Amino acid sequence: MTRQVVLLGATGSIGQSTLEVLRRNPSKFTLVAAAACSNVEAMVSLAEEFKPQIVALADVQAASELKDRLGALKLRTEVASGLDGVLEVAAAAEGAVAVAAIVGAGGLKPILEAAGRGCTIALANKEALVMSGQLFFAEVQRGKARVLPVDSEHSAIFQSLPESAQQTLGHCDLEGCGVHRILLTGSGGPFLHTPLEELPHVTPQQALRHPNWSMGPKITVDSATMMNKGLEYIEARYLFNAAPEQVEVLIHPQSVVHSMVSYQDGAVLAQLGLPDMKTPIARALAYPGRVASGVAPLNFAALGELSFCAPDLRRFPCLKLAMEASVTGQSATTALNAANEQAVAAFLAGKLPFDGICNLCRQVVESLYRHETYSLEDIMSLDAEARTLALRLLEKC
């Protein structure tokens, strides 16, 4: 019997990597539903190849075009549109594996919908935890869902933890499992050795040249600022119920050791592999088993040096800001996430210098600090307020 898969964010880099894993394992997985933003051509190809029961595009006009295209091809796949359509796809996750790969805050409501259906959530959208970690795990518990991390770092941590921790994500007892510290690795991105005085002048084209990973533009810029690692720090704290001092960030330029867990007896367990997202995707889809992902095994004889160092927070102020927001609380991390999305979009459009990303995020977080925010309505309200403030501040740049 094949395992059913629902793919939220089908046309992005994680979605496309997921489809590659499905192609390699047609006898093990069946794609039953998929959602994306507006890419009609990619969804037509997906529907022709995988023939899911339902697909959705958040863009209503694009969904209408998709419906016409699939009708002309005489495919029986149902087409839904708008946020309601994406939520309808998420609802199809009951009893399935839902790959949560919608980038940014737009993925929050569909993920919460899937969580309430009692499915297995292969979580690739870190914003779900950055914005609403407590609410998310409350919904997971209510719906009796299971969470499996897909971010390469969190998948590595997950694989390096004992089964008792793997089964209790969100409220696991690290100390009780003998864990001393989680070691969260990051490459340092394209500007690891760029002179500090040159950073304000780097271009979007330079920021998009990641030395190891092939990712979408937003997450690639986040890697260049190390905001991505800061968001992953927040995500790790929620996933593994970790105190701030239980998570340490390390620079590892080769991106081979995807993260590690240090134990109280002195042992350190790590997960290694080539920098390819198909590995953690395959692990989540097949858990507790393993399937072919198409990623080659490491050639240790040709590997060369593996190096590590502490991050320079002068070079990566976004990392420091995110770690501070994590300690401040969920309202700060929600505001930070919203501001960062606006700031990165402005940088990519040539409207904000590289160092302006952190400056803008800091202004928004400091302006909108408030007591904890728990309900979805409060979270979305704060998210909207942070975006409005960020856009207002951008007008003054």
Protein backbone atom coordinates (compact mmCIF):
# COMPACT_ATOMS: atom_id res chain seq x y z
CA MET A 1 0.00 0.00 0.00
CA THR A 2 1.46 3.35 -1.02
CA ARG A 3 1.75 6.31 1.32
CA GLN A 4 -0.38 9.28 0.26
CA VAL A 5 1.33 12.66 -0.06
CA VAL A 6 -0.09 16.20 -0.06
CA LEU A 7 2.32 18.83 -1.34
CA LEU A 8 1.87 22.41 -0.13
CA GLY A 9 4.23 24.61 -2.15
CA ALA A 10 4.57 22.32 -5.15
CA THR A 11 6.37 24.67 -7.55
CA GLY A 12 9.12 25.97 -5.24
CA SER A 13 12.53 24.41 -4.75
CA ILE A 14 11.40 22.11 -1.90
CA GLY A 15 8.31 21.13 -3.85
CA GLN A 16 10.31 20.26 -6.95
CA SER A 17 12.79 18.23 -4.90
CA THR A 18 9.86 16.39 -3.33
CA LEU A 19 8.54 15.50 -6.76
CA GLU A 20 11.96 14.09 -7.68
CA VAL A 21 11.83 11.79 -4.65
CA LEU A 22 8.30 10.69 -5.58
CA ARG A 23 9.43 9.89 -9.13
CA ARG A 24 12.11 7.58 -7.78
CA ASN A 25 9.64 5.74 -5.58
CA PRO A 26 6.38 5.33 -7.52
CA SER A 27 5.47 2.11 -5.71
CA LYS A 28 5.83 3.74 -2.28
CA PHE A 29 4.11 7.15 -2.64
CA THR A 30 1.03 8.60 -4.33
CA LEU A 31 0.57 12.35 -4.75
CA VAL A 32 -3.10 13.00 -3.96
CA ALA A 33 -3.16 16.81 -3.73
CA ALA A 34 -0.92 19.80 -4.40
CA ALA A 35 -1.03 23.57 -3.97
CA ALA A 36 1.10 26.47 -5.16
CA CYS A 37 0.92 30.21 -5.71
CA SER A 38 0.53 31.04 -9.41
CA ASN A 39 2.76 28.87 -11.64
CA VAL A 40 0.28 27.46 -14.15
CA GLU A 41 2.80 25.69 -16.39
CA ALA A 42 4.42 23.82 -13.50
CA MET A 43 1.04 22.71 -12.16
CA VAL A 44 -0.12 21.52 -15.59
CA SER A 45 3.01 19.37 -15.81
CA LEU A 46 2.45 18.09 -12.27
CA ALA A 47 -1.18 17.19 -12.98
CA GLU A 48 -0.28 15.38 -16.21
CA GLU A 49 2.45 13.34 -14.56
CA PHE A 50 1.04 12.55 -11.11
CA LYS A 51 -2.72 12.92 -11.68
CA PRO A 52 -3.61 14.12 -8.15
CA GLN A 53 -7.22 14.27 -7.05
CA ILE A 54 -7.12 18.03 -6.41
CA VAL A 55 -4.75 20.95 -7.00
CA ALA A 56 -5.02 24.60 -6.02
CA LEU A 57 -3.43 27.92 -6.89
CA ALA A 58 -3.62 30.82 -4.46
CA ASP A 59 -3.81 33.25 -7.39
CA VAL A 60 -7.47 33.15 -8.49
CA GLN A 61 -6.83 34.20 -12.10
CA ALA A 62 -4.03 31.64 -12.47
CA ALA A 63 -6.32 28.95 -11.00
CA SER A 64 -8.96 29.77 -13.61
CA GLU A 65 -6.38 29.36 -16.39
CA LEU A 66 -5.19 26.10 -14.83
CA LYS A 67 -8.75 24.76 -14.76
CA ASP A 68 -9.17 25.52 -18.47
CA ARG A 69 -5.82 23.91 -19.32
CA LEU A 70 -6.56 20.72 -17.40
CA GLY A 71 -10.05 20.58 -18.89
CA ALA A 72 -8.60 20.76 -22.40
CA LEU A 73 -6.33 17.84 -21.49
CA LYS A 74 -9.38 15.92 -20.21
CA LEU A 75 -7.75 15.40 -16.80
CA ARG A 76 -10.09 14.66 -13.90
CA THR A 77 -8.05 16.60 -11.36
CA GLU A 78 -10.21 19.10 -9.47
CA VAL A 79 -8.94 22.69 -9.41
CA ALA A 80 -9.49 24.95 -6.39
CA SER A 81 -8.53 28.62 -6.07
CA GLY A 82 -7.51 31.27 -3.58
CA LEU A 83 -6.65 30.73 0.07
CA ASP A 84 -9.80 28.65 0.50
CA GLY A 85 -8.58 26.38 -2.27
CA VAL A 86 -5.17 25.97 -0.68
CA LEU A 87 -6.88 25.15 2.63
CA GLU A 88 -9.02 22.57 0.81
CA VAL A 89 -5.83 20.90 -0.41
CA ALA A 90 -4.42 21.01 3.12
CA ALA A 91 -7.60 19.34 4.39
CA ALA A 92 -6.91 16.43 2.05
CA ALA A 93 -3.91 15.60 4.23
CA GLU A 94 -5.94 13.50 6.66
CA GLY A 95 -4.15 10.17 6.90
CA ALA A 96 -1.41 11.39 4.54
CA VAL A 97 2.02 12.99 4.70
CA ALA A 98 1.69 16.74 4.17
CA VAL A 99 4.89 18.34 2.89
CA ALA A 100 4.65 21.91 4.19
CA ALA A 101 6.83 23.87 1.75
CA ILE A 102 4.92 27.12 1.20
CA VAL A 103 7.48 29.85 1.80
CA GLY A 104 6.89 32.57 4.37
CA ALA A 105 3.86 33.59 6.40
CA GLY A 106 1.53 32.45 3.62
CA GLY A 107 2.14 28.87 4.66
CA LEU A 108 0.88 29.30 8.23
CA LYS A 109 -2.87 28.76 7.79
CA PRO A 110 -2.51 25.73 5.47
CA ILE A 111 -0.07 24.09 7.89
CA LEU A 112 -2.41 24.65 10.84
CA GLU A 113 -5.25 23.20 8.75
CA ALA A 114 -3.19 20.10 8.00
CA ALA A 115 -2.14 19.76 11.65
CA GLY A 116 -5.77 19.66 12.70
CA ARG A 117 -6.33 16.72 10.35
CA GLY A 118 -4.06 14.38 12.27
CA CYS A 119 -1.63 13.86 9.42
CA THR A 120 2.14 13.56 9.38
CA ILE A 121 3.61 17.00 8.67
CA ALA A 122 6.94 17.06 6.85
CA LEU A 123 7.77 20.59 7.95
CA ALA A 124 9.88 22.68 5.57
CA ASN A 125 8.27 26.02 6.41
CA LYS A 126 10.19 27.39 9.39
CA GLU A 127 7.93 30.45 9.58
CA ALA A 128 5.16 28.26 11.03
CA LEU A 129 7.25 27.91 14.16
CA VAL A 130 8.88 31.34 14.10
CA MET A 131 5.45 32.98 14.02
CA SER A 132 3.36 30.54 16.01
CA GLY A 133 5.39 27.80 17.67
CA GLN A 134 3.14 27.41 20.68
CA LEU A 135 -0.08 27.59 18.65
CA PHE A 136 1.30 25.15 16.07
CA PHE A 137 2.20 22.47 18.58
CA ALA A 138 -1.10 22.97 20.41
CA GLU A 139 -2.87 22.27 17.09
CA VAL A 140 -0.59 19.29 16.44
CA GLN A 141 -1.50 17.86 19.85
CA ARG A 142 -5.22 18.55 19.36
CA GLY A 143 -5.26 16.89 15.95
CA LYS A 144 -2.94 14.05 17.05
CA ALA A 145 -0.63 14.91 14.17
CA ARG A 146 3.07 14.05 13.89
CA VAL A 147 5.82 16.50 12.92
CA LEU A 148 8.94 15.50 11.01
CA PRO A 149 11.47 18.26 10.24
CA VAL A 150 12.59 18.74 6.63
CA ASP A 151 15.03 21.63 7.05
CA SER A 152 18.38 19.88 6.58
CA GLU A 153 19.71 21.09 9.94
CA HIS A 154 16.64 20.09 11.94
CA SER A 155 16.41 16.77 10.14
CA ALA A 156 20.04 16.15 11.12
CA ILE A 157 19.29 17.00 14.75
CA PHE A 158 16.18 14.80 14.67
CA GLN A 159 18.18 11.86 13.28
CA SER A 160 20.85 12.36 15.97
CA LEU A 161 18.35 12.25 18.86
CA PRO A 162 17.02 9.12 20.58
CA GLU A 163 13.62 7.77 19.54
CA SER A 164 11.99 9.07 22.73
CA ALA A 165 12.78 12.63 21.62
CA GLN A 166 11.79 11.98 18.00
CA GLN A 167 8.34 10.89 19.17
CA THR A 168 7.76 13.95 21.37
CA LEU A 169 8.79 16.94 19.25
CA GLY A 170 7.62 20.22 20.73
CA HIS A 171 7.84 18.98 24.29
CA CYS A 172 10.76 16.55 24.41
CA ASP A 173 13.06 16.44 27.44
CA LEU A 174 16.57 17.05 26.12
CA GLU A 175 18.22 16.87 29.52
CA GLY A 176 16.36 13.66 30.30
CA CYS A 177 17.69 12.22 27.04
CA GLY A 178 21.24 13.01 28.11
CA VAL A 179 21.64 15.89 25.65
CA HIS A 180 24.18 18.55 26.52
CA ARG A 181 23.71 20.84 23.52
CA ILE A 182 22.36 21.02 19.99
CA LEU A 183 25.03 22.19 17.52
CA LEU A 184 23.29 23.99 14.65
CA THR A 185 25.58 24.38 11.64
CA GLY A 186 25.51 26.93 8.84
CA SER A 187 27.75 27.58 5.86
CA GLY A 188 28.14 31.32 6.42
CA GLY A 189 26.89 31.97 2.90
CA PRO A 190 28.68 33.86 0.12
CA PHE A 191 30.04 36.67 2.32
CA LEU A 192 31.82 34.66 5.00
CA HIS A 193 35.18 36.19 4.09
CA THR A 194 34.07 39.47 2.50
CA PRO A 195 35.68 42.49 4.22
CA LEU A 196 33.17 44.05 6.61
CA GLU A 197 33.46 47.47 4.97
CA GLU A 198 32.33 45.98 1.64
CA LEU A 199 29.12 44.38 2.95
CA PRO A 200 26.90 47.49 2.63
CA HIS A 201 27.68 47.55 -1.09
CA VAL A 202 27.09 43.92 -2.09
CA THR A 203 24.47 43.37 -4.79
CA PRO A 204 21.49 41.01 -4.99
CA GLN A 205 23.33 39.09 -7.72
CA GLN A 206 26.24 38.49 -5.35
CA ALA A 207 23.94 37.50 -2.48
CA LEU A 208 22.20 34.92 -4.67
CA ARG A 209 25.45 33.03 -5.36
CA HIS A 210 25.35 30.55 -2.51
CA PRO A 211 28.53 28.46 -2.46
CA ASN A 212 26.83 25.13 -1.68
CA TRP A 213 23.04 25.10 -1.84
CA SER A 214 20.55 25.63 -4.67
CA MET A 215 17.54 27.39 -3.13
CA GLY A 216 14.91 30.03 -3.86
CA PRO A 217 15.94 33.73 -3.84
CA LYS A 218 14.44 34.65 -0.47
CA ILE A 219 16.07 31.85 1.50
CA THR A 220 19.35 32.38 -0.37
CA VAL A 221 19.48 36.02 0.75
CA ASP A 222 18.56 34.87 4.26
CA SER A 223 21.56 32.56 4.11
CA ALA A 224 23.79 35.47 3.08
CA THR A 225 22.64 37.54 6.10
CA MET A 226 22.44 34.42 8.30
CA MET A 227 18.90 35.46 9.18
CA ASN A 228 18.05 31.97 7.94
CA LYS A 229 20.22 30.49 10.69
CA GLY A 230 18.59 32.81 13.21
CA LEU A 231 15.14 31.61 12.15
CA GLU A 232 16.42 28.04 12.37
CA TYR A 233 17.66 28.76 15.90
CA ILE A 234 14.11 29.81 16.81
CA GLU A 235 12.71 26.76 15.02
CA ALA A 236 15.11 24.44 16.84
CA ARG A 237 14.07 25.82 20.21
CA TYR A 238 10.40 25.08 19.45
CA LEU A 239 10.93 21.71 17.77
CA PHE A 240 13.20 20.31 20.45
CA ASN A 241 11.86 22.24 23.46
CA ALA A 242 15.32 23.72 23.93
CA ALA A 243 16.44 26.49 26.25
CA PRO A 244 18.56 29.24 24.64
CA GLU A 245 21.76 27.83 26.13
CA GLN A 246 20.97 24.38 24.70
CA VAL A 247 21.39 25.54 21.08
CA GLU A 248 24.76 26.68 19.72
CA VAL A 249 25.34 27.99 16.17
CA LEU A 250 28.52 26.96 14.34
CA ILE A 251 29.90 28.06 10.98
CA HIS A 252 30.70 25.04 8.80
CA PRO A 253 31.57 26.28 5.28
CA GLN A 254 31.53 22.86 3.58
CA SER A 255 27.84 22.13 4.40
CA VAL A 256 28.58 18.42 4.88
CA VAL A 257 27.83 18.08 8.61
CA HIS A 258 24.23 19.24 8.64
CA SER A 259 24.04 19.53 12.44
CA MET A 260 25.08 17.64 15.56
CA VAL A 261 23.90 16.70 19.02
CA SER A 262 26.38 16.79 21.90
CA TYR A 263 25.62 14.44 24.80
CA GLN A 264 26.44 14.72 28.50
CA ASP A 265 28.82 11.75 28.32
CA GLY A 266 31.03 13.52 25.78
CA ALA A 267 29.69 11.77 22.68
CA VAL A 268 28.65 13.85 19.66
CA LEU A 269 26.30 12.40 17.04
CA ALA A 270 26.06 14.02 13.61
CA GLN A 271 24.30 13.51 10.29
CA LEU A 272 26.47 14.03 7.22
CA GLY A 273 25.64 14.13 3.53
CA LEU A 274 25.92 16.14 0.36
CA PRO A 275 24.08 19.49 0.47
CA ASP A 276 20.89 18.34 -1.25
CA MET A 277 17.39 18.77 0.16
CA LYS A 278 16.21 15.48 -1.31
CA THR A 279 17.91 13.65 1.57
CA PRO A 280 15.86 15.17 4.44
CA ILE A 281 12.73 15.11 2.26
CA ALA A 282 13.14 11.38 1.62
CA ARG A 283 13.76 10.76 5.32
CA ALA A 284 10.55 12.54 6.30
CA LEU A 285 8.44 10.90 3.60
CA ALA A 286 9.59 7.38 4.47
CA TYR A 287 10.01 7.69 8.27
CA PRO A 288 10.75 5.45 10.11
CA GLY A 289 12.13 3.74 7.00
CA ARG A 290 14.39 5.07 4.25
CA VAL A 291 14.03 5.23 0.46
CA ALA A 292 16.24 6.20 -2.46
CA SER A 293 16.49 9.97 -2.83
CA GLY A 294 18.79 10.24 -5.81
CA VAL A 295 21.52 11.85 -3.71
CA ALA A 296 24.96 10.26 -4.09
CA PRO A 297 26.71 8.97 -0.94
CA LEU A 298 29.65 10.92 0.42
CA ASN A 299 33.07 10.04 -0.94
CA PHE A 300 35.08 10.42 2.26
CA ALA A 301 38.41 9.83 0.53
CA ALA A 302 37.79 12.88 -1.68
CA LEU A 303 36.07 14.99 0.96
CA GLY A 304 39.02 17.03 2.16
CA GLU A 305 38.86 19.36 5.14
CA LEU A 306 35.83 19.87 7.37
CA SER A 307 36.15 23.08 9.37
CA PHE A 308 34.11 24.82 12.08
CA CYS A 309 34.18 28.19 13.81
CA ALA A 310 31.97 30.43 15.89
CA PRO A 311 29.93 33.03 13.94
CA ASP A 312 31.14 36.65 13.93
CA LEU A 313 28.07 38.57 15.06
CA ARG A 314 29.49 41.81 13.66
CA ARG A 315 29.38 40.19 10.22
CA PHE A 316 26.01 38.58 10.85
CA PRO A 317 23.91 40.99 12.97
CA CYS A 318 20.71 39.34 11.67
CA LEU A 319 21.70 36.15 13.46
CA LYS A 320 22.16 38.04 16.72
CA LEU A 321 18.85 39.86 16.25
CA ALA A 322 16.97 36.60 15.71
CA MET A 323 18.54 34.94 18.73
CA GLU A 324 17.59 37.94 20.88
CA ALA A 325 14.03 37.87 19.51
CA SER A 326 13.79 34.20 20.44
CA VAL A 327 14.47 35.07 24.06
CA THR A 328 12.08 38.06 23.99
CA GLY A 329 9.16 35.93 22.85
CA GLN A 330 6.76 35.04 20.06
CA SER A 331 5.58 38.59 19.37
CA ALA A 332 9.18 39.60 18.65
CA THR A 333 9.81 36.61 16.37
CA THR A 334 6.54 37.23 14.49
CA ALA A 335 7.44 40.87 13.89
CA LEU A 336 10.98 39.89 12.90
CA ASN A 337 9.78 37.37 10.32
CA ALA A 338 7.37 39.84 8.72
CA ALA A 339 9.93 42.64 8.61
CA ASN A 340 12.56 40.34 7.13
CA GLU A 341 10.28 39.22 4.31
CA GLN A 342 9.64 42.87 3.38
CA ALA A 343 13.30 43.81 3.75
CA VAL A 344 14.57 40.94 1.58
CA ALA A 345 12.02 41.77 -1.13
CA ALA A 346 13.19 45.41 -1.06
CA PHE A 347 16.85 44.34 -1.26
CA LEU A 348 16.18 42.05 -4.23
CA ALA A 349 14.34 44.92 -5.93
CA GLY A 350 17.33 47.22 -5.43
CA LYS A 351 15.45 49.45 -2.96
CA LEU A 352 17.45 48.62 0.18
CA PRO A 353 21.17 48.09 0.76
CA PHE A 354 22.35 44.76 2.15
CA ASP A 355 23.07 46.13 5.63
CA GLY A 356 19.67 47.82 5.59
CA ILE A 357 17.98 44.42 5.97
CA CYS A 358 19.04 44.08 9.61
CA ASN A 359 18.51 47.77 10.37
CA LEU A 360 14.93 47.63 9.11
CA CYS A 361 14.17 44.41 10.99
CA ARG A 362 15.56 45.84 14.22
CA GLN A 363 13.44 48.99 13.96
CA VAL A 364 10.26 46.96 13.42
CA VAL A 365 10.93 44.53 16.27
CA GLU A 366 11.78 47.31 18.72
CA SER A 367 8.69 49.30 17.71
CA LEU A 368 6.22 46.42 17.98
CA TYR A 369 7.37 44.60 21.09
CA ARG A 370 4.37 43.55 23.17
CA HIS A 371 3.25 40.83 25.52
CA GLU A 372 3.00 37.31 24.16
CA THR A 373 0.76 36.68 21.15
CA TYR A 374 -0.93 33.29 21.08
CA SER A 375 -4.12 33.28 18.96
CA LEU A 376 -4.01 33.03 15.17
CA GLU A 377 -5.94 36.28 14.90
CA ASP A 378 -3.42 38.13 17.08
CA ILE A 379 -0.48 36.61 15.20
CA MET A 380 -1.85 37.58 11.79
CA SER A 381 -2.72 41.05 13.06
CA LEU A 382 0.81 41.58 14.35
CA ASP A 383 2.23 40.19 11.11
CA ALA A 384 0.20 42.70 9.08
CA GLU A 385 1.15 45.56 11.40
CA ALA A 386 4.84 44.68 11.09
CA ARG A 387 4.65 44.59 7.30
CA THR A 388 2.89 47.95 7.19
CA LEU A 389 5.51 49.51 9.44
CA ALA A 390 8.32 47.98 7.38
CA LEU A 391 6.88 49.41 4.17
CA ARG A 392 6.47 52.81 5.81
CA LEU A 393 10.09 52.75 6.94
CA LEU A 394 11.20 51.66 3.47
CA GLU A 395 9.60 54.77 1.98
CA LYS A 396 12.04 56.84 4.05
CA CYS A 397 15.12 54.96 2.81
